[in-house]
Protein backbone atom coordinates (compact mmCIF):
# COMPACT_ATOMS: atom_id res chain seq x y z
CA MET A 1 -3.61 117.84 -26.13
CA GLY A 2 -5.04 118.94 -29.34
CA PHE A 3 -6.54 116.62 -31.93
CA ILE A 4 -3.37 116.80 -34.47
CA ARG A 5 -0.91 116.24 -31.51
CA ASP A 6 -2.82 113.43 -30.52
CA GLN A 7 -3.24 111.75 -34.04
CA GLU A 8 0.68 112.33 -34.43
CA GLU A 9 1.52 110.37 -30.99
CA ARG A 10 -0.93 107.50 -32.18
CA LEU A 11 0.93 107.22 -35.57
CA VAL A 12 4.15 107.31 -33.64
CA ILE A 13 2.88 104.35 -31.36
CA GLY A 14 1.97 102.40 -34.16
CA LEU A 15 5.44 102.81 -35.63
CA LEU A 16 6.78 101.98 -32.15
CA THR A 17 4.83 98.92 -31.89
CA ALA A 18 6.00 97.74 -35.34
CA LYS A 19 9.46 98.55 -34.58
CA TYR A 20 9.63 96.27 -31.47
CA GLN A 21 7.69 93.52 -32.95
CA LYS A 22 9.96 93.51 -36.06
CA LYS A 23 13.22 93.21 -33.43
CA ASN A 24 11.54 90.50 -31.84
CA LEU A 25 11.30 92.39 -28.46
CA PRO A 26 8.42 92.63 -26.19
CA VAL A 27 6.13 95.60 -26.83
CA PRO A 28 6.07 97.76 -23.59
CA ASP A 29 2.73 98.47 -22.09
CA ILE A 30 0.65 101.40 -23.31
CA SER A 31 1.84 104.08 -20.81
CA GLU A 32 5.27 103.64 -21.75
CA LEU A 33 4.34 103.73 -25.44
CA LYS A 34 2.53 107.00 -24.93
CA ARG A 35 5.57 108.20 -22.98
CA GLN A 36 7.97 107.26 -25.80
CA ALA A 37 5.52 108.67 -28.53
CA ALA A 38 5.27 111.94 -26.76
CA LYS A 39 9.12 112.41 -26.54
CA ILE A 40 9.45 111.56 -30.39
CA VAL A 41 6.75 113.91 -31.30
CA ASP A 42 8.35 116.80 -29.30
CA GLU A 43 11.49 116.02 -30.85
CA ALA A 44 9.74 116.15 -34.57
CA HIS A 45 8.47 119.45 -33.49
CA GLY A 46 11.88 120.79 -32.76
CA ILE A 47 13.06 119.39 -35.98
CA ALA A 48 10.39 120.90 -38.06
CA ARG A 49 10.97 124.18 -36.47
CA GLU A 50 14.72 124.02 -37.30
CA ARG A 51 14.78 122.71 -40.82
CA GLY A 52 11.28 124.54 -41.97
CA LYS A 53 9.52 121.27 -42.38
CA ASN A 54 6.07 119.99 -40.78
CA VAL A 55 5.57 117.27 -38.22
CA LEU A 56 3.77 115.15 -40.68
CA SER A 57 6.48 114.73 -43.46
CA ILE A 58 9.14 114.07 -40.55
CA VAL A 59 7.08 111.23 -39.61
CA LYS A 60 6.12 110.25 -43.15
CA ASP A 61 10.04 109.99 -43.41
CA MET A 62 10.07 107.94 -40.50
CA ALA A 63 7.58 105.58 -41.42
CA GLU A 64 9.01 105.48 -45.00
CA ASP A 65 12.44 104.16 -43.21
CA LEU A 66 10.82 101.76 -41.24
CA ARG A 67 9.49 100.23 -44.62
CA LYS A 68 12.34 100.11 -46.00
CA ASN A 69 14.20 98.26 -43.28
CA ARG A 70 11.06 95.73 -43.09
CA ARG A 71 12.00 94.80 -46.65
CA GLY A 72 15.45 94.78 -46.63
């Protein structure tokens, strides 16, 4: 796995953890979080290819949506 891919997955793990905590759900173990993050990053790469955007901008959009949901 490349450095950038690893960083993308780490960012998504953080987002997933925050989402579980916000919903007062138990946070899965790290292996499950890594599996979920890998799937999300794969999907983000697919979306990026279709829309001509980069993965970082897609993940930033996801993070912004999460922040908005926290406030509201």
